[in-house]
């Protein structure tokens, strides 16, 4: 029976294929011959989030809060755009970063009075942003407090979470939507 090795390096493989230096067959053959085994290239999608839209209760109070929050998380407020589609009762404010677009949207009028509950089916439980260091988590704690975020849990290590060294703080926006700033041992300098 032949041993099969699955190579899942789509960025490297796609870069080589795009350079036109190798055909797919030649690239597979070179991998096979270098390994001395049977191999296949797996074209897996990279798990990269392009954009997130969070529905808030009231855009008039949420926009000023997110205008202060998102720069703390690396977004440039000058890259903010707004749009409205009246027939869908849809207003959006979008904050663009090269790695992620984060947007807040208005609720439909039928849901405007609903209470936010992160444990409802389909609801966002919480969203975590990665910090470079524990010092950054600590610094953001004070800045979040200053902009009016509700601190749910101040910075501390969470031994019950993985990986070991999980250090985070949890906070909520003005509507009660929960967020996290996290640094893990692997991220620390």
N, C-alpha and C. Protein backbone atom coordinates (compact mmCIF):
# COMPACT_ATOMS: atom_id res chain seq x y z
N UNK A 1 0.84 -1.18 0.00
CA UNK A 1 0.00 0.00 0.00
C UNK A 1 0.89 1.25 0.00
N UNK A 2 0.56 2.21 -0.85
CA UNK A 2 1.36 3.43 -0.94
C UNK A 2 0.96 4.39 0.15
N UNK A 3 1.94 5.04 0.73
CA UNK A 3 1.69 6.06 1.74
C UNK A 3 1.36 7.37 1.02
N UNK A 4 0.30 8.04 1.46
CA UNK A 4 -0.11 9.29 0.84
C UNK A 4 0.08 10.41 1.84
N UNK A 5 0.75 11.45 1.44
CA UNK A 5 0.96 12.63 2.28
C UNK A 5 0.15 13.75 1.67
N UNK A 6 -0.65 14.41 2.46
CA UNK A 6 -1.44 15.53 1.97
C UNK A 6 -0.69 16.80 2.33
N UNK A 7 -0.39 17.59 1.34
CA UNK A 7 0.33 18.84 1.56
C UNK A 7 -0.69 19.96 1.48
N UNK A 8 -0.81 20.70 2.54
CA UNK A 8 -1.81 21.76 2.60
C UNK A 8 -1.12 23.11 2.79
N UNK A 9 -0.41 23.54 1.79
CA UNK A 9 0.25 24.83 1.80
C UNK A 9 -0.27 25.65 0.63
N UNK A 10 -1.55 26.02 0.66
CA UNK A 10 -2.14 26.67 -0.52
C UNK A 10 -1.44 27.96 -0.91
N UNK A 11 -0.95 28.73 0.04
CA UNK A 11 -0.30 29.99 -0.30
C UNK A 11 0.97 29.74 -1.10
N UNK A 12 1.80 28.81 -0.62
CA UNK A 12 3.05 28.49 -1.31
C UNK A 12 2.74 27.87 -2.68
N UNK A 13 1.87 26.89 -2.68
CA UNK A 13 1.53 26.20 -3.93
C UNK A 13 0.94 27.19 -4.92
N UNK A 14 -0.03 27.99 -4.49
CA UNK A 14 -0.67 28.93 -5.40
C UNK A 14 0.31 29.99 -5.90
N UNK A 15 1.24 30.41 -5.04
CA UNK A 15 2.26 31.36 -5.47
C UNK A 15 3.14 30.76 -6.56
N UNK A 16 3.56 29.53 -6.34
CA UNK A 16 4.38 28.86 -7.37
C UNK A 16 3.59 28.67 -8.67
N UNK A 17 2.33 28.29 -8.55
CA UNK A 17 1.51 28.10 -9.75
C UNK A 17 1.29 29.43 -10.46
N UNK A 18 1.05 30.49 -9.69
CA UNK A 18 0.80 31.81 -10.28
C UNK A 18 2.05 32.35 -10.98
N UNK A 19 3.21 31.99 -10.48
CA UNK A 19 4.46 32.46 -11.10
C UNK A 19 4.68 31.83 -12.46
N UNK A 20 3.91 30.81 -12.76
CA UNK A 20 4.00 30.06 -14.02
C UNK A 20 5.34 29.34 -14.18
N UNK A 21 6.10 29.26 -13.09
CA UNK A 21 7.35 28.51 -13.13
C UNK A 21 7.07 27.01 -13.14
N UNK A 22 5.91 26.64 -12.59
CA UNK A 22 5.55 25.23 -12.50
C UNK A 22 4.12 25.04 -12.96
N UNK A 23 3.87 23.96 -13.66
CA UNK A 23 2.49 23.55 -13.88
C UNK A 23 2.07 22.77 -12.65
N UNK A 24 0.80 22.55 -12.45
CA UNK A 24 0.33 21.78 -11.30
C UNK A 24 0.95 20.38 -11.31
N UNK A 25 0.98 19.77 -12.49
CA UNK A 25 1.53 18.41 -12.59
C UNK A 25 3.01 18.39 -12.24
N UNK A 26 3.77 19.37 -12.74
CA UNK A 26 5.21 19.43 -12.46
C UNK A 26 5.45 19.69 -10.98
N UNK A 27 4.65 20.57 -10.40
CA UNK A 27 4.80 20.86 -8.98
C UNK A 27 4.51 19.61 -8.15
N UNK A 28 3.43 18.89 -8.46
CA UNK A 28 3.13 17.65 -7.75
C UNK A 28 4.26 16.63 -7.93
N UNK A 29 4.78 16.53 -9.16
CA UNK A 29 5.85 15.58 -9.42
C UNK A 29 7.09 15.94 -8.61
N UNK A 30 7.44 17.24 -8.54
CA UNK A 30 8.64 17.66 -7.79
C UNK A 30 8.46 17.36 -6.30
N UNK A 31 7.25 17.57 -5.79
CA UNK A 31 6.99 17.25 -4.38
C UNK A 31 7.12 15.74 -4.17
N UNK A 32 6.50 14.98 -5.07
CA UNK A 32 6.56 13.52 -4.97
C UNK A 32 7.99 13.01 -5.01
N UNK A 33 8.74 13.51 -5.97
CA UNK A 33 10.11 13.00 -6.13
C UNK A 33 10.98 13.39 -4.95
N UNK A 34 10.76 14.59 -4.39
CA UNK A 34 11.57 15.01 -3.25
C UNK A 34 11.23 14.20 -2.00
N UNK A 35 9.99 13.75 -1.91
CA UNK A 35 9.58 12.95 -0.75
C UNK A 35 9.76 11.46 -0.99
N UNK A 36 9.84 11.09 -2.25
CA UNK A 36 9.92 9.67 -2.56
C UNK A 36 8.62 8.95 -2.25
N UNK A 37 7.52 9.66 -2.25
CA UNK A 37 6.22 9.08 -1.89
C UNK A 37 5.14 9.64 -2.82
N UNK A 38 3.96 9.12 -2.64
CA UNK A 38 2.79 9.62 -3.36
C UNK A 38 2.23 10.81 -2.57
N UNK A 39 1.99 11.91 -3.23
CA UNK A 39 1.46 13.09 -2.53
C UNK A 39 0.37 13.73 -3.37
N UNK A 40 -0.53 14.42 -2.72
CA UNK A 40 -1.52 15.23 -3.42
C UNK A 40 -1.52 16.60 -2.78
N UNK A 41 -1.83 17.58 -3.56
CA UNK A 41 -1.91 18.95 -3.05
C UNK A 41 -3.38 19.24 -2.76
N UNK A 42 -3.63 19.73 -1.57
CA UNK A 42 -5.00 20.01 -1.16
C UNK A 42 -5.22 21.52 -1.21
N UNK A 43 -6.21 21.95 -1.96
CA UNK A 43 -6.51 23.37 -2.08
C UNK A 43 -7.50 23.78 -1.02
N UNK A 44 -7.03 23.95 0.20
CA UNK A 44 -7.90 24.38 1.29
C UNK A 44 -7.95 25.90 1.35
N UNK A 45 -9.09 26.40 1.69
CA UNK A 45 -9.25 27.83 1.90
C UNK A 45 -8.57 28.21 3.21
N UNK A 46 -7.97 29.37 3.25
CA UNK A 46 -7.39 29.87 4.50
C UNK A 46 -8.53 30.42 5.37
N UNK A 47 -8.52 30.15 6.67
CA UNK A 47 -9.60 30.63 7.54
C UNK A 47 -9.39 32.10 7.95
N UNK A 48 -9.60 33.00 7.00
CA UNK A 48 -9.41 34.42 7.24
C UNK A 48 -10.77 35.11 7.14
N UNK A 49 -11.11 35.86 8.16
CA UNK A 49 -12.39 36.59 8.16
C UNK A 49 -12.20 37.89 7.40
N UNK A 50 -13.08 38.16 6.45
CA UNK A 50 -13.03 39.38 5.66
C UNK A 50 -13.73 40.54 6.37
N UNK A 51 -14.96 40.28 6.83
CA UNK A 51 -15.70 41.35 7.50
C UNK A 51 -16.69 40.77 8.52
N UNK A 52 -17.00 41.61 9.48
CA UNK A 52 -17.97 41.26 10.52
C UNK A 52 -18.95 42.42 10.62
N UNK A 53 -20.24 42.11 10.65
CA UNK A 53 -21.26 43.14 10.87
C UNK A 53 -22.02 42.78 12.14
N UNK A 54 -22.06 43.72 13.06
CA UNK A 54 -22.75 43.54 14.33
C UNK A 54 -23.96 44.48 14.35
N UNK A 55 -25.13 43.94 14.64
CA UNK A 55 -26.32 44.78 14.74
C UNK A 55 -26.40 45.35 16.15
N UNK A 56 -26.51 46.66 16.22
CA UNK A 56 -26.61 47.37 17.51
C UNK A 56 -28.04 47.88 17.68
N UNK A 57 -28.39 48.23 18.89
CA UNK A 57 -29.76 48.70 19.16
C UNK A 57 -30.01 50.10 18.62
N UNK A 58 -29.04 50.99 18.80
CA UNK A 58 -29.25 52.40 18.47
C UNK A 58 -27.97 52.96 17.83
N UNK A 59 -28.03 53.26 16.57
CA UNK A 59 -26.86 53.77 15.86
C UNK A 59 -26.40 55.12 16.40
N UNK A 60 -27.32 55.94 16.89
CA UNK A 60 -26.93 57.28 17.36
C UNK A 60 -26.03 57.23 18.60
N UNK A 61 -26.18 56.20 19.41
CA UNK A 61 -25.27 56.06 20.56
C UNK A 61 -24.10 55.13 20.25
N UNK A 62 -24.32 54.17 19.36
CA UNK A 62 -23.27 53.20 19.05
C UNK A 62 -22.14 53.81 18.23
N UNK A 63 -22.46 54.63 17.24
CA UNK A 63 -21.42 55.18 16.36
C UNK A 63 -20.37 55.97 17.15
N UNK A 64 -20.75 56.89 18.03
CA UNK A 64 -19.71 57.60 18.79
C UNK A 64 -18.85 56.66 19.65
N UNK A 65 -19.46 55.63 20.21
CA UNK A 65 -18.70 54.67 21.01
C UNK A 65 -17.70 53.92 20.13
N UNK A 66 -18.15 53.37 19.00
CA UNK A 66 -17.27 52.60 18.13
C UNK A 66 -16.21 53.50 17.45
N UNK A 67 -16.55 54.78 17.26
CA UNK A 67 -15.54 55.73 16.76
C UNK A 67 -14.37 55.86 17.74
N UNK A 68 -14.62 55.62 19.02
CA UNK A 68 -13.55 55.65 20.03
C UNK A 68 -12.92 54.28 20.22
N UNK A 69 -13.74 53.22 20.17
CA UNK A 69 -13.25 51.87 20.41
C UNK A 69 -12.32 51.36 19.31
N UNK A 70 -12.75 51.46 18.08
CA UNK A 70 -12.02 50.80 17.00
C UNK A 70 -10.61 51.36 16.76
N UNK A 71 -10.36 52.65 16.94
CA UNK A 71 -8.96 53.09 16.87
C UNK A 71 -8.07 52.44 17.94
N UNK A 72 -8.63 52.12 19.09
CA UNK A 72 -7.85 51.42 20.12
C UNK A 72 -7.45 50.03 19.64
N UNK A 73 -8.22 49.46 18.71
CA UNK A 73 -7.98 48.12 18.20
C UNK A 73 -7.24 48.13 16.86
N UNK A 74 -6.71 49.29 16.47
CA UNK A 74 -5.89 49.37 15.28
C UNK A 74 -6.57 49.90 14.03
N UNK A 75 -7.84 50.26 14.11
CA UNK A 75 -8.56 50.79 12.96
C UNK A 75 -8.30 52.29 12.83
N UNK A 76 -8.18 52.78 11.61
CA UNK A 76 -8.00 54.20 11.35
C UNK A 76 -9.38 54.79 11.08
N UNK A 77 -9.82 55.71 11.92
CA UNK A 77 -11.16 56.28 11.82
C UNK A 77 -11.38 56.99 10.47
N UNK A 78 -10.30 57.38 9.81
CA UNK A 78 -10.44 58.02 8.49
C UNK A 78 -10.91 57.03 7.43
N UNK A 79 -10.84 55.73 7.75
CA UNK A 79 -11.31 54.69 6.82
C UNK A 79 -12.72 54.22 7.16
N UNK A 80 -13.50 55.11 7.71
CA UNK A 80 -14.89 54.81 8.06
C UNK A 80 -15.81 55.27 6.94
N UNK A 81 -16.74 54.39 6.56
CA UNK A 81 -17.74 54.76 5.56
C UNK A 81 -19.12 54.42 6.09
N UNK A 82 -20.12 55.14 5.59
CA UNK A 82 -21.50 54.87 5.99
C UNK A 82 -22.35 54.65 4.74
N UNK A 83 -23.41 53.90 4.92
CA UNK A 83 -24.35 53.65 3.83
C UNK A 83 -25.72 53.37 4.42
N UNK A 84 -26.72 53.57 3.60
CA UNK A 84 -28.10 53.29 4.02
C UNK A 84 -28.88 52.74 2.84
N UNK A 85 -29.70 51.73 3.13
CA UNK A 85 -30.63 51.19 2.15
C UNK A 85 -31.99 51.26 2.82
N UNK A 86 -32.70 52.36 2.57
CA UNK A 86 -33.95 52.66 3.27
C UNK A 86 -35.00 51.57 3.12
N UNK A 87 -35.15 51.00 1.92
CA UNK A 87 -36.20 49.99 1.71
C UNK A 87 -35.96 48.73 2.53
N UNK A 88 -34.74 48.55 3.02
CA UNK A 88 -34.43 47.40 3.88
C UNK A 88 -34.23 47.80 5.34
N UNK A 89 -34.51 49.07 5.65
CA UNK A 89 -34.28 49.59 7.01
C UNK A 89 -32.86 49.28 7.46
N UNK A 90 -31.91 49.51 6.59
CA UNK A 90 -30.53 49.10 6.82
C UNK A 90 -29.60 50.31 6.78
N UNK A 91 -28.97 50.57 7.90
CA UNK A 91 -27.92 51.58 7.98
C UNK A 91 -26.67 50.88 8.47
N UNK A 92 -25.54 51.22 7.89
CA UNK A 92 -24.29 50.58 8.27
C UNK A 92 -23.19 51.63 8.38
N UNK A 93 -22.33 51.44 9.37
CA UNK A 93 -21.10 52.21 9.49
C UNK A 93 -19.99 51.17 9.48
N UNK A 94 -19.09 51.31 8.51
CA UNK A 94 -18.06 50.31 8.28
C UNK A 94 -16.69 50.91 8.57
N UNK A 95 -15.90 50.19 9.36
CA UNK A 95 -14.54 50.60 9.72
C UNK A 95 -13.60 49.62 9.02
N UNK A 96 -12.75 50.14 8.15
CA UNK A 96 -11.90 49.28 7.33
C UNK A 96 -10.46 49.28 7.82
N UNK A 97 -9.94 48.08 7.96
CA UNK A 97 -8.53 47.84 8.28
C UNK A 97 -8.03 46.87 7.20
N UNK A 98 -6.75 46.89 6.86
CA UNK A 98 -6.28 45.97 5.82
C UNK A 98 -6.56 44.49 6.11
N UNK A 99 -6.71 44.13 7.38
CA UNK A 99 -6.94 42.71 7.72
C UNK A 99 -8.39 42.39 8.03
N UNK A 100 -9.22 43.38 8.27
CA UNK A 100 -10.60 43.11 8.69
C UNK A 100 -11.47 44.35 8.51
N UNK A 101 -12.67 44.13 8.03
CA UNK A 101 -13.67 45.19 8.01
C UNK A 101 -14.65 44.89 9.13
N UNK A 102 -14.85 45.87 9.99
CA UNK A 102 -15.77 45.72 11.12
C UNK A 102 -16.88 46.73 10.91
N UNK A 103 -18.12 46.28 10.97
CA UNK A 103 -19.25 47.17 10.73
C UNK A 103 -20.30 47.02 11.80
N UNK A 104 -20.97 48.13 12.08
CA UNK A 104 -22.15 48.09 12.94
C UNK A 104 -23.34 48.46 12.07
N UNK A 105 -24.46 47.78 12.32
CA UNK A 105 -25.65 48.00 11.51
C UNK A 105 -26.86 48.24 12.41
N UNK A 106 -27.84 48.88 11.82
CA UNK A 106 -29.08 49.17 12.54
C UNK A 106 -29.98 47.94 12.54
N UNK A 107 -30.82 47.82 13.58
CA UNK A 107 -31.79 46.71 13.57
C UNK A 107 -32.99 47.08 12.70
N UNK A 108 -33.70 46.09 12.26
CA UNK A 108 -35.00 46.36 11.63
C UNK A 108 -35.93 46.89 12.71
N UNK A 109 -36.88 47.72 12.34
CA UNK A 109 -37.77 48.33 13.32
C UNK A 109 -38.52 47.26 14.13
N UNK A 110 -38.82 46.12 13.52
CA UNK A 110 -39.53 45.04 14.22
C UNK A 110 -38.71 44.47 15.38
N UNK A 111 -37.38 44.63 15.32
CA UNK A 111 -36.52 44.06 16.35
C UNK A 111 -35.87 45.12 17.25
N UNK A 112 -36.17 46.38 16.99
CA UNK A 112 -35.49 47.47 17.71
C UNK A 112 -35.66 47.39 19.22
N UNK A 113 -36.76 46.86 19.69
CA UNK A 113 -36.99 46.77 21.13
C UNK A 113 -36.47 45.49 21.78
N UNK A 114 -35.96 44.57 20.96
CA UNK A 114 -35.46 43.30 21.50
C UNK A 114 -34.25 43.51 22.40
N UNK A 115 -34.18 42.67 23.40
CA UNK A 115 -33.06 42.69 24.33
C UNK A 115 -31.93 41.85 23.73
N UNK A 116 -30.71 42.35 23.84
CA UNK A 116 -29.55 41.59 23.35
C UNK A 116 -29.26 40.47 24.33
N UNK A 117 -29.11 39.27 23.77
CA UNK A 117 -28.76 38.11 24.59
C UNK A 117 -27.80 37.26 23.79
N UNK A 118 -26.57 37.17 24.26
CA UNK A 118 -25.54 36.45 23.51
C UNK A 118 -25.73 34.95 23.51
N UNK A 119 -26.68 34.45 24.29
CA UNK A 119 -26.92 33.01 24.33
C UNK A 119 -28.09 32.57 23.46
N UNK A 120 -28.71 33.51 22.74
CA UNK A 120 -29.78 33.15 21.80
C UNK A 120 -29.17 32.46 20.60
N UNK A 121 -29.89 31.50 20.01
CA UNK A 121 -29.40 30.90 18.77
C UNK A 121 -29.17 31.98 17.70
N UNK A 122 -28.04 31.90 17.04
CA UNK A 122 -27.70 32.85 16.00
C UNK A 122 -27.04 34.11 16.48
N UNK A 123 -27.00 34.31 17.80
CA UNK A 123 -26.41 35.52 18.35
C UNK A 123 -24.89 35.39 18.46
N UNK A 124 -24.22 36.51 18.47
CA UNK A 124 -22.79 36.53 18.71
C UNK A 124 -22.54 36.37 20.20
N UNK A 125 -21.82 35.34 20.59
CA UNK A 125 -21.50 35.14 22.01
C UNK A 125 -20.54 36.22 22.47
N UNK A 126 -19.39 36.31 21.83
CA UNK A 126 -18.46 37.41 22.02
C UNK A 126 -17.45 37.39 20.89
N UNK A 127 -16.73 38.47 20.74
CA UNK A 127 -15.72 38.59 19.70
C UNK A 127 -14.41 38.96 20.35
N UNK A 128 -13.35 38.21 20.05
CA UNK A 128 -12.04 38.43 20.67
C UNK A 128 -11.07 39.07 19.68
N UNK A 129 -10.36 40.08 20.15
CA UNK A 129 -9.30 40.72 19.39
C UNK A 129 -7.98 40.34 20.03
N UNK A 130 -6.99 40.02 19.20
CA UNK A 130 -5.70 39.55 19.67
C UNK A 130 -4.76 40.71 19.95
N UNK A 131 -4.18 40.72 21.14
CA UNK A 131 -3.19 41.73 21.52
C UNK A 131 -1.79 41.12 21.36
N UNK A 132 -0.81 41.97 21.15
CA UNK A 132 0.57 41.52 20.98
C UNK A 132 1.23 41.10 22.29
N UNK A 133 0.77 41.68 23.40
CA UNK A 133 1.44 41.41 24.67
C UNK A 133 0.46 41.61 25.83
N UNK A 134 0.84 41.10 26.99
CA UNK A 134 0.05 41.34 28.20
C UNK A 134 0.01 42.83 28.52
N UNK A 135 1.11 43.52 28.27
CA UNK A 135 1.15 44.97 28.54
C UNK A 135 0.11 45.69 27.69
N UNK A 136 -0.10 45.24 26.46
CA UNK A 136 -1.11 45.85 25.61
C UNK A 136 -2.51 45.59 26.16
N UNK A 137 -2.76 44.39 26.65
CA UNK A 137 -4.06 44.08 27.28
C UNK A 137 -4.28 45.01 28.47
N UNK A 138 -3.25 45.16 29.30
CA UNK A 138 -3.34 46.04 30.47
C UNK A 138 -3.59 47.49 30.08
N UNK A 139 -2.88 47.97 29.07
CA UNK A 139 -3.05 49.35 28.61
C UNK A 139 -4.47 49.58 28.10
N UNK A 140 -4.96 48.63 27.31
CA UNK A 140 -6.31 48.77 26.74
C UNK A 140 -7.38 48.76 27.82
N UNK A 141 -7.14 48.08 28.92
CA UNK A 141 -8.09 48.06 30.03
C UNK A 141 -8.43 49.48 30.47
N UNK A 142 -7.42 50.29 30.71
CA UNK A 142 -7.66 51.67 31.12
C UNK A 142 -8.32 52.50 30.05
N UNK A 143 -7.93 52.29 28.80
CA UNK A 143 -8.50 53.06 27.70
C UNK A 143 -9.97 52.68 27.45
N UNK A 144 -10.29 51.42 27.60
CA UNK A 144 -11.68 50.98 27.44
C UNK A 144 -12.57 51.57 28.52
N UNK A 145 -12.06 51.58 29.72
CA UNK A 145 -12.80 52.18 30.84
C UNK A 145 -13.05 53.66 30.57
N UNK A 146 -12.06 54.34 30.03
CA UNK A 146 -12.16 55.79 29.77
C UNK A 146 -13.19 56.12 28.69
N UNK A 147 -13.44 55.22 27.74
CA UNK A 147 -14.42 55.52 26.68
C UNK A 147 -15.83 55.06 27.04
N UNK A 148 -16.00 54.49 28.22
CA UNK A 148 -17.34 54.10 28.65
C UNK A 148 -17.71 52.65 28.46
N UNK A 149 -16.74 51.81 28.09
CA UNK A 149 -17.02 50.38 27.98
C UNK A 149 -17.26 49.83 29.39
N UNK A 150 -18.11 48.83 29.49
CA UNK A 150 -18.35 48.16 30.76
C UNK A 150 -17.35 47.01 30.88
N UNK A 151 -16.46 47.11 31.85
CA UNK A 151 -15.47 46.06 32.05
C UNK A 151 -16.15 44.90 32.78
N UNK A 152 -16.22 43.76 32.12
CA UNK A 152 -16.84 42.57 32.69
C UNK A 152 -15.83 41.83 33.57
N UNK A 153 -14.61 41.74 33.08
CA UNK A 153 -13.54 41.06 33.81
C UNK A 153 -12.23 41.76 33.47
N UNK A 154 -11.56 42.35 34.46
CA UNK A 154 -10.29 43.03 34.17
C UNK A 154 -9.21 42.03 33.75
N UNK A 155 -8.09 42.53 33.26
CA UNK A 155 -7.04 41.63 32.77
C UNK A 155 -6.58 40.63 33.84
N UNK A 156 -6.51 39.39 33.41
CA UNK A 156 -5.98 38.34 34.28
C UNK A 156 -5.70 37.11 33.44
N UNK A 157 -4.97 36.17 34.02
CA UNK A 157 -4.72 34.91 33.35
C UNK A 157 -5.91 33.98 33.59
N UNK A 158 -6.25 33.22 32.57
CA UNK A 158 -7.35 32.27 32.62
C UNK A 158 -6.79 30.86 32.46
N UNK A 159 -6.42 30.20 33.57
CA UNK A 159 -5.83 28.86 33.47
C UNK A 159 -6.81 27.83 32.92
N UNK A 160 -8.10 28.11 32.98
CA UNK A 160 -9.10 27.17 32.48
C UNK A 160 -9.24 27.22 30.95
N UNK A 161 -8.63 28.24 30.32
CA UNK A 161 -8.69 28.38 28.87
C UNK A 161 -7.40 27.86 28.25
N UNK A 162 -7.47 27.55 26.98
CA UNK A 162 -6.26 27.12 26.27
C UNK A 162 -5.93 28.16 25.21
N UNK A 163 -4.66 28.27 24.88
CA UNK A 163 -3.50 27.55 25.39
C UNK A 163 -3.07 28.08 26.75
N UNK A 164 -2.14 27.39 27.40
CA UNK A 164 -1.63 27.89 28.68
C UNK A 164 -1.09 29.32 28.51
N UNK A 165 -1.28 30.13 29.54
CA UNK A 165 -0.84 31.52 29.48
C UNK A 165 -1.88 32.46 28.92
N UNK A 166 -3.12 31.99 28.75
CA UNK A 166 -4.22 32.79 28.19
C UNK A 166 -4.47 33.97 29.11
N UNK A 167 -4.25 35.17 28.63
CA UNK A 167 -4.37 36.41 29.41
C UNK A 167 -5.34 37.32 28.69
N UNK A 168 -6.40 37.74 29.36
CA UNK A 168 -7.44 38.49 28.65
C UNK A 168 -8.20 39.43 29.57
N UNK A 169 -8.94 40.30 28.92
CA UNK A 169 -9.94 41.11 29.60
C UNK A 169 -11.20 41.03 28.77
N UNK A 170 -12.34 41.15 29.43
CA UNK A 170 -13.64 41.10 28.76
C UNK A 170 -14.37 42.40 29.05
N UNK A 171 -15.08 42.91 28.04
CA UNK A 171 -15.85 44.14 28.22
C UNK A 171 -17.07 44.10 27.32
N UNK A 172 -18.00 45.01 27.60
CA UNK A 172 -19.21 45.12 26.78
C UNK A 172 -19.33 46.54 26.26
N UNK A 173 -19.95 46.66 25.08
CA UNK A 173 -20.23 47.98 24.53
C UNK A 173 -21.47 48.54 25.22
N UNK A 174 -21.97 49.67 24.74
CA UNK A 174 -23.11 50.33 25.38
C UNK A 174 -24.40 49.52 25.29
N UNK A 175 -24.49 48.61 24.31
CA UNK A 175 -25.66 47.75 24.16
C UNK A 175 -25.54 46.43 24.91
N UNK A 176 -24.36 46.17 25.46
CA UNK A 176 -24.15 44.91 26.16
C UNK A 176 -23.53 43.82 25.28
N UNK A 177 -23.03 44.18 24.10
CA UNK A 177 -22.35 43.21 23.23
C UNK A 177 -20.97 42.97 23.81
N UNK A 178 -20.63 41.70 23.99
CA UNK A 178 -19.39 41.33 24.70
C UNK A 178 -18.21 41.16 23.76
N UNK A 179 -17.08 41.71 24.21
CA UNK A 179 -15.82 41.61 23.48
C UNK A 179 -14.71 41.16 24.42
N UNK A 180 -13.62 40.76 23.81
CA UNK A 180 -12.45 40.29 24.57
C UNK A 180 -11.19 40.83 23.91
N UNK A 181 -10.20 41.16 24.73
CA UNK A 181 -8.85 41.45 24.26
C UNK A 181 -8.00 40.35 24.87
N UNK A 182 -7.28 39.60 24.03
CA UNK A 182 -6.57 38.41 24.51
C UNK A 182 -5.12 38.38 24.01
N UNK A 183 -4.28 37.87 24.88
CA UNK A 183 -2.88 37.56 24.53
C UNK A 183 -2.60 36.17 25.10
N UNK A 184 -1.99 35.32 24.29
CA UNK A 184 -1.62 33.98 24.77
C UNK A 184 -0.11 33.89 24.88
N UNK A 185 0.35 32.87 25.56
CA UNK A 185 1.78 32.68 25.76
C UNK A 185 2.53 32.77 24.44
N UNK A 186 1.98 32.17 23.40
CA UNK A 186 2.64 32.15 22.12
C UNK A 186 2.75 33.56 21.53
N UNK A 187 1.87 34.47 21.92
CA UNK A 187 1.87 35.82 21.38
C UNK A 187 2.79 36.76 22.14
N UNK A 188 3.12 36.42 23.37
CA UNK A 188 3.90 37.34 24.21
C UNK A 188 5.31 37.52 23.70
N UNK A 189 5.80 38.72 23.88
CA UNK A 189 7.20 39.00 23.50
C UNK A 189 8.13 38.58 24.63
